[in-house]
């Protein structure tokens, strides 16, 4: 498991190093009026955190552009309604079972420059747990942060950290 954390830490260091290099070449960070397509589909994989246990999870994402000009006048920002849903693979001493992880939240994007966007998210999330974890359906508040790297095409790379999920993925704009 420590190997997974090392990979995530290395990816975060590379992301932030690249972000600082782009800032020198760009004009004024956080300014502008970026135009984006109103629908975003993606896939993320990473660590699902349930209580003291960490499990593997894969989440499909769909986001709809709720507010294209955001709430701040001098900052390039926008607000999305986003859903994440997918399997979580729970392992116990003698069996492997699959549960369901979900999240419905607002995502507030802040565009740094033409390639980097930082975001915060807040909403509700939870799990549909397998028998080994009590077969319960949980719901709780979710808050987190993330970063997106926009390529020259509609493809974006994405990393996200919250109390119940740490992952990396890709997204496409339509």
C-alpha atoms as a PDB file:
ATOM      1  CA  UNK A   1       0.000   0.000   0.000  1.00  0.00           C
ATOM      2  CA  UNK A   2       2.913   2.336   0.714  1.00  0.00           C
ATOM      3  CA  UNK A   3       3.930   2.009  -2.939  1.00  0.00           C
ATOM      4  CA  UNK A   4       0.563   3.526  -4.011  1.00  0.00           C
ATOM      5  CA  UNK A   5       1.080   6.522  -1.721  1.00  0.00           C
ATOM      6  CA  UNK A   6       4.572   7.076  -3.133  1.00  0.00           C
ATOM      7  CA  UNK A   7       3.196   7.106  -6.692  1.00  0.00           C
ATOM      8  CA  UNK A   8       0.474   9.615  -5.736  1.00  0.00           C
ATOM      9  CA  UNK A   9       3.019  11.857  -3.981  1.00  0.00           C
ATOM     10  CA  UNK A  10       5.327  11.773  -7.013  1.00  0.00           C
ATOM     11  CA  UNK A  11       2.427  12.638  -9.348  1.00  0.00           C
ATOM     12  CA  UNK A  12       1.487  15.621  -7.146  1.00  0.00           C
ATOM     13  CA  UNK A  13       5.084  16.904  -7.170  1.00  0.00           C
ATOM     14  CA  UNK A  14       5.246  16.657 -10.983  1.00  0.00           C
ATOM     15  CA  UNK A  15       1.876  18.463 -11.335  1.00  0.00           C
ATOM     16  CA  UNK A  16       2.877  21.393  -9.125  1.00  0.00           C
ATOM     17  CA  UNK A  17       6.350  21.687 -10.679  1.00  0.00           C
ATOM     18  CA  UNK A  18       4.837  21.879 -14.151  1.00  0.00           C
ATOM     19  CA  UNK A  19       2.250  24.405 -12.965  1.00  0.00           C
ATOM     20  CA  UNK A  20       4.987  26.751 -11.724  1.00  0.00           C
ATOM     21  CA  UNK A  21       6.887  26.508 -15.031  1.00  0.00           C
ATOM     22  CA  UNK A  22       3.767  27.399 -17.038  1.00  0.00           C
ATOM     23  CA  UNK A  23       3.097  30.406 -14.789  1.00  0.00           C
ATOM     24  CA  UNK A  24       6.334  32.034 -15.933  1.00  0.00           C
ATOM     25  CA  UNK A  25       5.405  31.730 -19.597  1.00  0.00           C
ATOM     26  CA  UNK A  26       1.767  32.819 -19.272  1.00  0.00           C
ATOM     27  CA  UNK A  27       0.389  36.314 -18.832  1.00  0.00           C
ATOM     28  CA  UNK A  28      -1.547  37.098 -15.685  1.00  0.00           C
ATOM     29  CA  UNK A  29      -2.574  33.938 -13.767  1.00  0.00           C
ATOM     30  CA  UNK A  30      -6.208  33.419 -12.676  1.00  0.00           C
ATOM     31  CA  UNK A  31      -7.489  36.015 -15.190  1.00  0.00           C
ATOM     32  CA  UNK A  32      -9.330  35.565 -18.467  1.00  0.00           C
ATOM     33  CA  UNK A  33     -12.599  34.052 -19.591  1.00  0.00           C
ATOM     34  CA  UNK A  34     -12.001  30.423 -20.506  1.00  0.00           C
ATOM     35  CA  UNK A  35     -14.787  28.885 -22.582  1.00  0.00           C
ATOM     36  CA  UNK A  36     -15.522  25.215 -21.930  1.00  0.00           C
ATOM     37  CA  UNK A  37     -18.018  22.690 -23.244  1.00  0.00           C
ATOM     38  CA  UNK A  38     -20.996  22.207 -20.897  1.00  0.00           C
ATOM     39  CA  UNK A  39     -20.602  18.439 -20.367  1.00  0.00           C
ATOM     40  CA  UNK A  40     -17.600  16.549 -18.995  1.00  0.00           C
ATOM     41  CA  UNK A  41     -17.257  12.753 -18.798  1.00  0.00           C
ATOM     42  CA  UNK A  42     -14.400  10.994 -17.075  1.00  0.00           C
ATOM     43  CA  UNK A  43     -12.946   8.038 -15.248  1.00  0.00           C
ATOM     44  CA  UNK A  44     -10.881   8.088 -12.041  1.00  0.00           C
ATOM     45  CA  UNK A  45      -9.122   5.330 -10.122  1.00  0.00           C
ATOM     46  CA  UNK A  46      -7.519   5.386  -6.718  1.00  0.00           C
ATOM     47  CA  UNK A  47      -7.816   4.778  -3.016  1.00  0.00           C
ATOM     48  CA  UNK A  48     -11.261   4.639  -1.405  1.00  0.00           C
ATOM     49  CA  UNK A  49     -11.047   5.363   2.302  1.00  0.00           C
ATOM     50  CA  UNK A  50     -13.712   3.799   4.510  1.00  0.00           C
ATOM     51  CA  UNK A  51     -13.053   4.206   8.232  1.00  0.00           C
ATOM     52  CA  UNK A  52      -9.537   2.936   8.928  1.00  0.00           C
ATOM     53  CA  UNK A  53      -9.434   0.832   5.754  1.00  0.00           C
ATOM     54  CA  UNK A  54      -8.150   1.771   2.312  1.00  0.00           C
ATOM     55  CA  UNK A  55      -9.521  -0.035  -0.751  1.00  0.00           C
ATOM     56  CA  UNK A  56      -9.211   0.246  -4.525  1.00  0.00           C
ATOM     57  CA  UNK A  57     -11.983   2.163  -6.321  1.00  0.00           C
ATOM     58  CA  UNK A  58     -12.828   3.123  -9.888  1.00  0.00           C
ATOM     59  CA  UNK A  59     -15.269   6.011 -10.433  1.00  0.00           C
ATOM     60  CA  UNK A  60     -17.059   7.162 -13.573  1.00  0.00           C
ATOM     61  CA  UNK A  61     -17.681  10.908 -13.523  1.00  0.00           C
ATOM     62  CA  UNK A  62     -20.199  13.145 -15.247  1.00  0.00           C
ATOM     63  CA  UNK A  63     -20.331  16.911 -14.796  1.00  0.00           C
ATOM     64  CA  UNK A  64     -22.663  19.585 -16.146  1.00  0.00           C
ATOM     65  CA  UNK A  65     -21.645  23.258 -16.302  1.00  0.00           C
ATOM     66  CA  UNK A  66     -23.995  24.956 -13.833  1.00  0.00           C
ATOM     67  CA  UNK A  67     -22.582  28.500 -13.855  1.00  0.00           C
ATOM     68  CA  UNK A  68     -20.075  29.428 -16.586  1.00  0.00           C
ATOM     69  CA  UNK A  69     -18.984  32.791 -15.096  1.00  0.00           C
ATOM     70  CA  UNK A  70     -18.639  31.636 -11.488  1.00  0.00           C
ATOM     71  CA  UNK A  71     -19.117  33.907  -8.482  1.00  0.00           C
ATOM     72  CA  UNK A  72     -15.966  36.080  -8.609  1.00  0.00           C
ATOM     73  CA  UNK A  73     -15.710  38.938 -11.113  1.00  0.00           C
ATOM     74  CA  UNK A  74     -11.925  39.230 -11.432  1.00  0.00           C
ATOM     75  CA  UNK A  75     -11.162  35.480 -11.397  1.00  0.00           C
ATOM     76  CA  UNK A  76     -11.650  32.941 -14.200  1.00  0.00           C
ATOM     77  CA  UNK A  77     -13.971  30.529 -12.376  1.00  0.00           C
ATOM     78  CA  UNK A  78     -16.989  28.318 -13.080  1.00  0.00           C
ATOM     79  CA  UNK A  79     -19.276  25.964 -11.133  1.00  0.00           C
ATOM     80  CA  UNK A  80     -20.195  22.401 -12.142  1.00  0.00           C
ATOM     81  CA  UNK A  81     -22.714  19.892 -10.811  1.00  0.00           C
ATOM     82  CA  UNK A  82     -20.870  16.575 -10.741  1.00  0.00           C
ATOM     83  CA  UNK A  83     -21.653  12.937  -9.985  1.00  0.00           C
ATOM     84  CA  UNK A  84     -19.135  10.155  -9.357  1.00  0.00           C
ATOM     85  CA  UNK A  85     -20.165   6.500  -9.178  1.00  0.00           C
ATOM     86  CA  UNK A  86     -18.329   3.203  -9.293  1.00  0.00           C
ATOM     87  CA  UNK A  87     -17.224  -0.028  -7.660  1.00  0.00           C
ATOM     88  CA  UNK A  88     -15.030  -0.251  -4.575  1.00  0.00           C
ATOM     89  CA  UNK A  89     -13.193  -3.502  -3.987  1.00  0.00           C
ATOM     90  CA  UNK A  90     -13.213  -4.476  -0.295  1.00  0.00           C
ATOM     91  CA  UNK A  91     -10.734  -7.119   0.853  1.00  0.00           C
ATOM     92  CA  UNK A  92     -11.023  -8.975   4.127  1.00  0.00           C
ATOM     93  CA  UNK A  93      -8.878 -11.790   5.524  1.00  0.00           C
ATOM     94  CA  UNK A  94     -10.759 -14.515   3.687  1.00  0.00           C
ATOM     95  CA  UNK A  95     -12.771 -12.858   0.903  1.00  0.00           C
ATOM     96  CA  UNK A  96     -12.981 -10.058  -1.645  1.00  0.00           C
ATOM     97  CA  UNK A  97     -16.262  -8.239  -2.140  1.00  0.00           C
ATOM     98  CA  UNK A  98     -17.427  -5.310  -4.205  1.00  0.00           C
ATOM     99  CA  UNK A  99     -19.322  -2.313  -2.883  1.00  0.00           C
ATOM    100  CA  UNK A 100     -20.533   0.907  -4.479  1.00  0.00           C
ATOM    101  CA  UNK A 101     -19.030   4.358  -3.944  1.00  0.00           C
ATOM    102  CA  UNK A 102     -20.916   7.496  -4.996  1.00  0.00           C
ATOM    103  CA  UNK A 103     -20.765  11.278  -4.744  1.00  0.00           C
ATOM    104  CA  UNK A 104     -22.983  14.168  -5.834  1.00  0.00           C
ATOM    105  CA  UNK A 105     -21.408  17.573  -5.365  1.00  0.00           C
ATOM    106  CA  UNK A 106     -20.692  21.036  -6.721  1.00  0.00           C
ATOM    107  CA  UNK A 107     -17.232  21.570  -8.173  1.00  0.00           C
ATOM    108  CA  UNK A 108     -15.857  25.109  -8.264  1.00  0.00           C
ATOM    109  CA  UNK A 109     -13.083  25.470 -10.873  1.00  0.00           C
ATOM    110  CA  UNK A 110     -10.444  28.210 -10.769  1.00  0.00           C
ATOM    111  CA  UNK A 111      -8.459  28.474 -14.009  1.00  0.00           C
ATOM    112  CA  UNK A 112      -4.808  29.328 -13.372  1.00  0.00           C
ATOM    113  CA  UNK A 113      -3.718  29.443 -17.022  1.00  0.00           C
ATOM    114  CA  UNK A 114      -4.530  27.720 -20.308  1.00  0.00           C
ATOM    115  CA  UNK A 115      -3.476  24.293 -19.007  1.00  0.00           C
ATOM    116  CA  UNK A 116      -4.000  24.239 -15.218  1.00  0.00           C
ATOM    117  CA  UNK A 117      -7.234  24.427 -13.253  1.00  0.00           C
ATOM    118  CA  UNK A 118      -7.551  24.000  -9.493  1.00  0.00           C
ATOM    119  CA  UNK A 119     -10.900  23.101  -7.964  1.00  0.00           C
ATOM    120  CA  UNK A 120     -12.720  22.604  -4.705  1.00  0.00           C
ATOM    121  CA  UNK A 121     -15.732  20.377  -4.234  1.00  0.00           C
ATOM    122  CA  UNK A 122     -18.487  19.986  -1.682  1.00  0.00           C
ATOM    123  CA  UNK A 123     -21.579  17.818  -1.497  1.00  0.00           C
ATOM    124  CA  UNK A 124     -22.731  14.384  -0.355  1.00  0.00           C
ATOM    125  CA  UNK A 125     -21.119  10.985  -0.800  1.00  0.00           C
ATOM    126  CA  UNK A 126     -21.176   7.489   0.610  1.00  0.00           C
ATOM    127  CA  UNK A 127     -20.981   3.774   0.061  1.00  0.00           C
ATOM    128  CA  UNK A 128     -23.219   0.821  -0.595  1.00  0.00           C
ATOM    129  CA  UNK A 129     -21.277  -1.647   1.522  1.00  0.00           C
ATOM    130  CA  UNK A 130     -20.877  -5.395   0.889  1.00  0.00           C
ATOM    131  CA  UNK A 131     -21.802  -8.081   3.451  1.00  0.00           C
ATOM    132  CA  UNK A 132     -18.303  -8.145   4.931  1.00  0.00           C
ATOM    133  CA  UNK A 133     -18.740  -4.478   5.946  1.00  0.00           C
ATOM    134  CA  UNK A 134     -22.338  -4.797   7.199  1.00  0.00           C
ATOM    135  CA  UNK A 135     -24.402  -4.385   3.989  1.00  0.00           C
ATOM    136  CA  UNK A 136     -25.198  -0.767   4.923  1.00  0.00           C
ATOM    137  CA  UNK A 137     -25.852   2.265   2.753  1.00  0.00           C
ATOM    138  CA  UNK A 138     -23.927   5.290   4.064  1.00  0.00           C
ATOM    139  CA  UNK A 139     -24.257   9.002   3.350  1.00  0.00           C
ATOM    140  CA  UNK A 140     -22.093  11.849   4.625  1.00  0.00           C
ATOM    141  CA  UNK A 141     -20.771  15.308   3.626  1.00  0.00           C
ATOM    142  CA  UNK A 142     -17.910  15.407   1.158  1.00  0.00           C
ATOM    143  CA  UNK A 143     -15.299  18.136   0.751  1.00  0.00           C
ATOM    144  CA  UNK A 144     -12.122  17.985  -1.277  1.00  0.00           C
ATOM    145  CA  UNK A 145      -9.753  19.621  -3.741  1.00  0.00           C
ATOM    146  CA  UNK A 146      -8.222  18.728  -7.048  1.00  0.00           C
ATOM    147  CA  UNK A 147      -6.263  19.778 -10.084  1.00  0.00           C
ATOM    148  CA  UNK A 148      -6.851  19.375 -13.827  1.00  0.00           C
ATOM    149  CA  UNK A 149      -4.305  19.528 -16.632  1.00  0.00           C
ATOM    150  CA  UNK A 150      -5.846  20.484 -19.997  1.00  0.00           C
ATOM    151  CA  UNK A 151      -4.085  19.046 -23.044  1.00  0.00           C
ATOM    152  CA  UNK A 152      -4.297  20.646 -26.503  1.00  0.00           C
ATOM    153  CA  UNK A 153      -7.241  18.331 -27.269  1.00  0.00           C
ATOM    154  CA  UNK A 154     -10.470  17.876 -25.281  1.00  0.00           C
ATOM    155  CA  UNK A 155      -8.628  15.418 -22.982  1.00  0.00           C
ATOM    156  CA  UNK A 156      -7.798  16.443 -19.409  1.00  0.00           C
ATOM    157  CA  UNK A 157      -5.784  14.674 -16.720  1.00  0.00           C
ATOM    158  CA  UNK A 158      -7.173  15.001 -13.230  1.00  0.00           C
ATOM    159  CA  UNK A 159      -6.143  14.395  -9.619  1.00  0.00           C
ATOM    160  CA  UNK A 160      -8.429  14.636  -6.592  1.00  0.00           C
ATOM    161  CA  UNK A 161      -8.098  14.395  -2.809  1.00  0.00           C
ATOM    162  CA  UNK A 162     -10.970  14.215  -0.314  1.00  0.00           C
ATOM    163  CA  UNK A 163     -11.655  12.494   3.001  1.00  0.00           C
ATOM    164  CA  UNK A 164     -12.925   9.318   1.281  1.00  0.00           C
ATOM    165  CA  UNK A 165     -11.133   9.226  -2.090  1.00  0.00           C
ATOM    166  CA  UNK A 166      -7.659   9.944  -3.465  1.00  0.00           C
ATOM    167  CA  UNK A 167      -7.304   9.328  -7.161  1.00  0.00           C
ATOM    168  CA  UNK A 168      -6.088  10.160 -10.644  1.00  0.00           C
ATOM    169  CA  UNK A 169      -7.996  10.032 -13.902  1.00  0.00           C
ATOM    170  CA  UNK A 170      -8.942  11.483 -17.252  1.00  0.00           C
ATOM    171  CA  UNK A 171     -11.891  13.539 -18.484  1.00  0.00           C
ATOM    172  CA  UNK A 172     -13.289  14.611 -21.862  1.00  0.00           C
ATOM    173  CA  UNK A 173     -15.310  17.736 -22.662  1.00  0.00           C
ATOM    174  CA  UNK A 174     -18.327  17.555 -24.982  1.00  0.00           C
END
